[in-house]
Protein backbone atom coordinates (compact mmCIF):
# COMPACT_ATOMS: atom_id res chain seq x y z
CA UNK A 1 -17.45 -62.21 -19.68
CA UNK A 2 -19.68 -61.41 -16.70
CA UNK A 3 -17.89 -58.95 -14.39
CA UNK A 4 -18.75 -57.73 -10.89
CA UNK A 5 -17.09 -54.67 -9.33
CA UNK A 6 -16.97 -54.22 -5.55
CA UNK A 7 -16.09 -50.52 -5.31
CA UNK A 8 -16.48 -47.28 -7.33
CA UNK A 9 -12.82 -46.96 -8.34
CA UNK A 10 -12.87 -50.44 -9.89
CA UNK A 11 -16.12 -49.69 -11.73
CA UNK A 12 -14.59 -46.49 -13.10
CA UNK A 13 -11.44 -48.29 -14.19
CA UNK A 14 -13.51 -50.90 -16.04
CA UNK A 15 -15.63 -48.19 -17.65
CA UNK A 16 -12.55 -46.29 -18.82
CA UNK A 17 -11.18 -49.51 -20.35
CA UNK A 18 -14.41 -50.13 -22.25
CA UNK A 19 -15.67 -53.07 -20.19
CA UNK A 20 -18.81 -51.45 -18.76
CA UNK A 21 -21.08 -53.57 -21.04
CA UNK A 22 -19.73 -56.69 -19.32
CA UNK A 23 -20.63 -55.52 -15.81
CA UNK A 24 -23.51 -57.45 -14.25
CA UNK A 25 -23.38 -56.06 -10.70
CA UNK A 26 -21.71 -53.28 -8.70
CA UNK A 27 -21.48 -51.92 -5.16
CA UNK A 28 -24.00 -49.37 -3.86
CA UNK A 29 -21.83 -46.31 -4.51
CA UNK A 30 -20.64 -46.83 -8.09
CA UNK A 31 -22.03 -43.97 -10.20
CA UNK A 32 -19.81 -43.84 -13.29
CA UNK A 33 -20.17 -44.65 -16.12
CA UNK A 34 -23.87 -43.81 -16.36
CA UNK A 35 -24.62 -47.24 -17.83
CA UNK A 36 -24.20 -48.86 -14.39
CA UNK A 37 -27.28 -47.07 -13.02
CA UNK A 38 -29.61 -49.99 -13.70
CA UNK A 39 -27.33 -52.79 -12.53
CA UNK A 40 -27.97 -54.90 -9.41
CA UNK A 41 -26.55 -53.25 -6.28
CA UNK A 42 -24.61 -55.62 -4.06
CA UNK A 43 -24.14 -53.59 -0.87
CA UNK A 44 -21.62 -51.10 0.45
CA UNK A 45 -18.03 -51.62 -0.53
CA UNK A 46 -17.18 -52.78 3.00
CA UNK A 47 -20.19 -55.07 3.35
CA UNK A 48 -20.97 -56.80 0.07
CA UNK A 49 -23.81 -59.36 -0.14
CA UNK A 50 -21.79 -62.40 -1.17
CA UNK A 51 -24.88 -64.51 -1.82
CA UNK A 52 -26.00 -61.91 -4.35
CA UNK A 53 -22.55 -61.87 -5.95
CA UNK A 54 -22.53 -65.65 -6.31
CA UNK A 55 -26.05 -65.64 -7.77
CA UNK A 56 -24.86 -63.42 -10.63
CA UNK A 57 -22.49 -66.20 -11.76
CA UNK A 58 -19.58 -63.84 -12.48
CA UNK A 59 -16.62 -64.91 -14.56
CA UNK A 60 -14.55 -62.35 -12.66
CA UNK A 61 -15.03 -60.20 -9.57
CA UNK A 62 -12.80 -57.15 -9.30
CA UNK A 63 -12.14 -56.61 -5.59
CA UNK A 64 -10.11 -53.88 -3.90
CA UNK A 65 -8.07 -53.13 -0.81
CA UNK A 66 -8.27 -49.35 -1.17
CA UNK A 67 -11.11 -49.25 1.36
CA UNK A 68 -10.34 -50.50 4.90
CA UNK A 69 -12.43 -53.55 5.76
CA UNK A 70 -12.59 -55.03 2.27
CA UNK A 71 -10.65 -58.06 3.47
CA UNK A 72 -13.93 -59.62 4.66
CA UNK A 73 -15.30 -59.48 1.12
CA UNK A 74 -12.21 -61.19 -0.25
CA UNK A 75 -12.54 -63.93 2.39
CA UNK A 76 -16.14 -64.42 1.24
CA UNK A 77 -15.06 -64.81 -2.36
CA UNK A 78 -12.50 -67.40 -1.34
CA UNK A 79 -15.07 -69.35 0.67
CA UNK A 80 -17.38 -69.56 -2.35
CA UNK A 81 -14.69 -70.24 -4.92
CA UNK A 82 -15.69 -67.19 -6.95
CA UNK A 83 -12.94 -66.09 -9.39
CA UNK A 84 -11.54 -62.67 -8.54
CA UNK A 85 -8.60 -60.30 -8.71
CA UNK A 86 -7.69 -57.71 -6.10
CA UNK A 87 -6.53 -54.18 -6.87
CA UNK A 88 -4.94 -51.80 -4.38
CA UNK A 89 -3.84 -48.60 -6.12
CA UNK A 90 -2.26 -45.83 -4.08
CA UNK A 91 -0.49 -43.87 -6.81
CA UNK A 92 -1.14 -42.97 -10.45
CA UNK A 93 1.34 -45.58 -11.68
CA UNK A 94 -0.67 -48.21 -9.80
CA UNK A 95 -3.83 -47.20 -11.67
CA UNK A 96 -2.01 -47.62 -14.98
CA UNK A 97 -0.57 -50.97 -13.89
CA UNK A 98 -4.02 -52.15 -12.82
CA UNK A 99 -5.25 -51.70 -16.39
CA UNK A 100 -2.70 -54.27 -17.47
CA UNK A 101 -3.72 -56.61 -14.64
CA UNK A 102 -7.41 -56.35 -15.58
CA UNK A 103 -6.62 -56.83 -19.26
CA UNK A 104 -4.68 -60.01 -18.54
CA UNK A 105 -7.46 -61.37 -16.31
CA UNK A 106 -10.04 -60.75 -19.04
CA UNK A 107 -7.89 -61.91 -21.94
CA UNK A 108 -8.06 -58.40 -23.39
CA UNK A 109 -4.46 -57.27 -23.35
CA UNK A 110 -4.74 -55.06 -26.44
CA UNK A 111 -7.70 -53.11 -25.06
CA UNK A 112 -5.86 -52.70 -21.78
CA UNK A 113 -2.75 -51.38 -23.50
CA UNK A 114 -4.77 -48.83 -25.46
CA UNK A 115 -6.49 -47.61 -22.30
CA UNK A 116 -3.22 -47.43 -20.39
CA UNK A 117 -1.55 -45.45 -23.18
CA UNK A 118 -4.49 -43.01 -23.22
CA UNK A 119 -4.23 -42.51 -19.47
CA UNK A 120 -0.45 -42.09 -19.39
CA UNK A 121 -0.48 -39.67 -22.35
CA UNK A 122 -2.88 -37.39 -20.49
CA UNK A 123 -0.67 -37.43 -17.41
CA UNK A 124 2.30 -36.47 -19.58
CA UNK A 125 0.30 -33.56 -20.97
CA UNK A 126 -0.33 -32.22 -17.48
CA UNK A 127 3.26 -32.80 -16.42
CA UNK A 128 4.30 -30.49 -19.25
CA UNK A 129 1.75 -27.85 -18.23
CA UNK A 130 2.95 -27.95 -14.62
CA UNK A 131 6.43 -26.91 -15.76
CA UNK A 132 4.93 -23.63 -17.03
CA UNK A 133 3.68 -22.62 -13.58
CA UNK A 134 5.75 -19.84 -12.04
CA UNK A 135 4.49 -20.51 -8.52
CA UNK A 136 3.69 -23.76 -6.69
CA UNK A 137 1.08 -23.06 -4.00
CA UNK A 138 0.76 -25.46 -1.07
CA UNK A 139 -2.50 -27.42 -0.76
CA UNK A 140 -4.08 -28.89 2.34
CA UNK A 141 -6.45 -31.68 1.33
CA UNK A 142 -8.96 -32.45 4.06
CA UNK A 143 -10.33 -35.98 3.84
CA UNK A 144 -11.95 -35.77 7.25
CA UNK A 145 -12.17 -32.91 9.77
CA UNK A 146 -12.27 -34.59 13.18
CA UNK A 147 -10.00 -36.41 13.62
CA UNK A 148 -8.09 -34.77 10.82
CA UNK A 149 -7.17 -37.09 7.95
CA UNK A 150 -5.24 -35.88 4.94
CA UNK A 151 -3.40 -37.63 2.08
CA UNK A 152 0.35 -37.92 2.49
CA UNK A 153 3.26 -38.35 0.11
CA UNK A 154 2.31 -41.93 -0.72
CA UNK A 155 -1.09 -40.94 -2.09
CA UNK A 156 -2.31 -40.10 -5.58
CA UNK A 157 -3.33 -36.59 -4.48
CA UNK A 158 0.30 -35.65 -3.93
CA UNK A 159 0.89 -36.47 -7.61
CA UNK A 160 -2.32 -34.77 -8.72
CA UNK A 161 -1.24 -31.66 -6.80
CA UNK A 162 2.14 -31.62 -8.55
CA UNK A 163 0.59 -32.14 -11.98
CA UNK A 164 -1.71 -29.18 -11.26
CA UNK A 165 1.29 -26.95 -10.53
CA UNK A 166 1.12 -27.16 -6.73
CA UNK A 167 2.42 -29.12 -3.72
CA UNK A 168 0.60 -31.20 -1.15
CA UNK A 169 1.25 -29.57 2.24
CA UNK A 170 1.71 -33.04 3.79
CA UNK A 171 3.84 -34.54 1.02
CA UNK A 172 6.74 -34.90 3.44
CA UNK A 173 4.84 -37.67 5.26
CA UNK A 174 5.36 -40.89 3.31
CA UNK A 175 2.05 -42.43 4.36
CA UNK A 176 -0.85 -42.63 1.92
CA UNK A 177 -3.29 -41.40 4.57
CA UNK A 178 -2.15 -39.25 7.48
CA UNK A 179 -3.98 -38.88 10.79
CA UNK A 180 -2.88 -35.53 12.16
CA UNK A 181 -4.53 -32.64 14.03
CA UNK A 182 -5.81 -29.15 13.31
CA UNK A 183 -2.90 -27.48 15.13
CA UNK A 184 -0.51 -29.07 12.65
CA UNK A 185 -2.57 -27.77 9.73
CA UNK A 186 -2.44 -24.25 11.18
CA UNK A 187 1.32 -24.59 11.68
CA UNK A 188 1.82 -25.51 8.02
CA UNK A 189 -0.43 -22.61 6.93
CA UNK A 190 -1.25 -23.83 3.38
CA UNK A 191 -2.07 -21.49 0.51
CA UNK A 192 -5.28 -23.41 -0.23
CA UNK A 193 -7.63 -25.58 1.82
CA UNK A 194 -9.40 -28.19 -0.29
CA UNK A 195 -12.23 -30.04 1.44
CA UNK A 196 -12.99 -33.45 -0.05
CA UNK A 197 -14.56 -35.50 2.73
CA UNK A 198 -14.54 -39.18 1.87
CA UNK A 199 -18.03 -40.52 1.23
CA UNK A 200 -19.71 -37.13 1.77
CA UNK A 201 -21.54 -35.26 -1.00
CA UNK A 202 -20.31 -31.74 -1.65
CA UNK A 203 -23.57 -30.07 -0.63
CA UNK A 204 -23.13 -31.43 2.89
CA UNK A 205 -19.65 -29.95 3.35
CA UNK A 206 -19.80 -26.47 4.86
CA UNK A 207 -16.60 -24.48 4.17
CA UNK A 208 -17.75 -21.63 6.42
CA UNK A 209 -17.23 -23.86 9.46
CA UNK A 210 -13.46 -23.68 8.91
CA UNK A 211 -13.50 -20.09 10.18
CA UNK A 212 -14.81 -21.33 13.56
CA UNK A 213 -11.84 -23.61 14.21
CA UNK A 214 -9.16 -22.60 16.69
CA UNK A 215 -6.43 -20.54 15.05
CA UNK A 216 -8.23 -20.32 11.71
CA UNK A 217 -7.85 -16.53 11.77
CA UNK A 218 -4.12 -17.08 11.23
CA UNK A 219 -4.54 -19.02 7.97
CA UNK A 220 -3.61 -17.37 4.69
CA UNK A 221 -6.05 -19.59 2.82
CA UNK A 222 -8.98 -18.33 4.87
CA UNK A 223 -7.91 -14.69 4.67
CA UNK A 224 -7.54 -14.98 0.90
CA UNK A 225 -10.83 -16.77 0.28
CA UNK A 226 -9.03 -19.91 -0.82
CA UNK A 227 -11.10 -22.55 0.99
CA UNK A 228 -12.85 -24.76 -1.56
CA UNK A 229 -15.18 -27.74 -1.47
CA UNK A 230 -13.97 -30.27 -4.03
CA UNK A 231 -15.87 -33.10 -5.70
CA UNK A 232 -15.32 -36.18 -3.59
CA UNK A 233 -15.85 -38.48 -6.58
CA UNK A 234 -13.02 -36.79 -8.53
CA UNK A 235 -10.35 -36.77 -5.84
CA UNK A 236 -11.01 -39.57 -3.34
CA UNK A 237 -11.19 -42.55 -5.70
CA UNK A 238 -8.05 -43.99 -7.32
CA UNK A 239 -9.34 -44.25 -10.88
CA UNK A 240 -8.93 -42.51 -14.26
CA UNK A 241 -11.57 -39.98 -13.18
CA UNK A 242 -8.80 -38.33 -11.18
CA UNK A 243 -7.81 -36.74 -14.50
CA UNK A 244 -11.11 -34.84 -14.55
CA UNK A 245 -10.29 -33.62 -11.05
CA UNK A 246 -6.78 -32.72 -12.14
CA UNK A 247 -8.15 -30.67 -15.04
CA UNK A 248 -10.44 -28.70 -12.70
CA UNK A 249 -7.73 -28.22 -10.08
CA UNK A 250 -5.15 -26.97 -12.56
CA UNK A 251 -7.60 -24.43 -13.91
CA UNK A 252 -8.50 -23.26 -10.37
CA UNK A 253 -4.88 -22.74 -9.36
CA UNK A 254 -3.35 -21.52 -12.64
CA UNK A 255 -6.04 -20.21 -15.02
CA UNK A 256 -3.30 -18.60 -17.12
CA UNK A 257 -1.70 -22.01 -17.81
CA UNK A 258 -4.40 -24.71 -17.73
CA UNK A 259 -7.29 -24.78 -20.23
CA UNK A 260 -10.89 -24.33 -19.14
CA UNK A 261 -12.68 -27.51 -18.19
CA UNK A 262 -14.78 -28.87 -21.05
CA UNK A 263 -17.18 -31.52 -19.78
CA UNK A 264 -18.00 -32.86 -23.24
CA UNK A 265 -14.33 -33.18 -24.14
CA UNK A 266 -13.59 -34.93 -20.86
CA UNK A 267 -16.51 -37.31 -21.36
CA UNK A 268 -15.20 -38.24 -24.79
CA UNK A 269 -11.73 -38.87 -23.40
CA UNK A 270 -13.02 -40.99 -20.54
CA UNK A 271 -15.12 -43.10 -22.92
CA UNK A 272 -12.32 -43.43 -25.47
CA UNK A 273 -14.35 -41.85 -28.25
């Protein structure tokens, strides 16, 4: 099978399932697994070069609706008669279900079931650890600073927060992505501020700028030194790599409960070895 992935989360899902060797092209931002580094790049996830996709003669293109604007890519696939499936995960259960969908599309149901079981078993492990946490700090996840965007109750980061022994400060809003304002963040006064700006590398995010915002002097998170820059690739993409982010988050919040992050161990789990 010749597979093309149109966004990083799809590439990561395919890599976790063991299908990376079948990939023949990916979007510009896919960076895991490492084996995709030398593959043809087909454009940004919102503006894929459909001529280049067609030239690769894929047996299956894995498209996505997790990024606004991807509808144009799907229209292009339809126009060319290129075989594809579309994923649109918003929660952890969706990621697991997508493994089954991909497995059925590739005629690899057994491999998909093994990958799904591996993923769900790890989530169960963290669910058990979360029950050992005596406190449940509130977390403000900042996806974008101006205008303020943050994940709501319908997003995977609400679940990741809970599995790490905490609570998303905006979990009461059912939307997956919430456009709010800084005054509302100050009003909610979270225990932690976690900056994971979508599409922005960590080195470009400056946590010290939070102190310059109106009313920041009232925030417990700032007073307690609990403003952290998080890895965008581990929290902003709905893929199995969220588990690596979960592992790091649990350790940050509850070092007495969650084990230290072991990169080699995580790499082995992600690769299924």
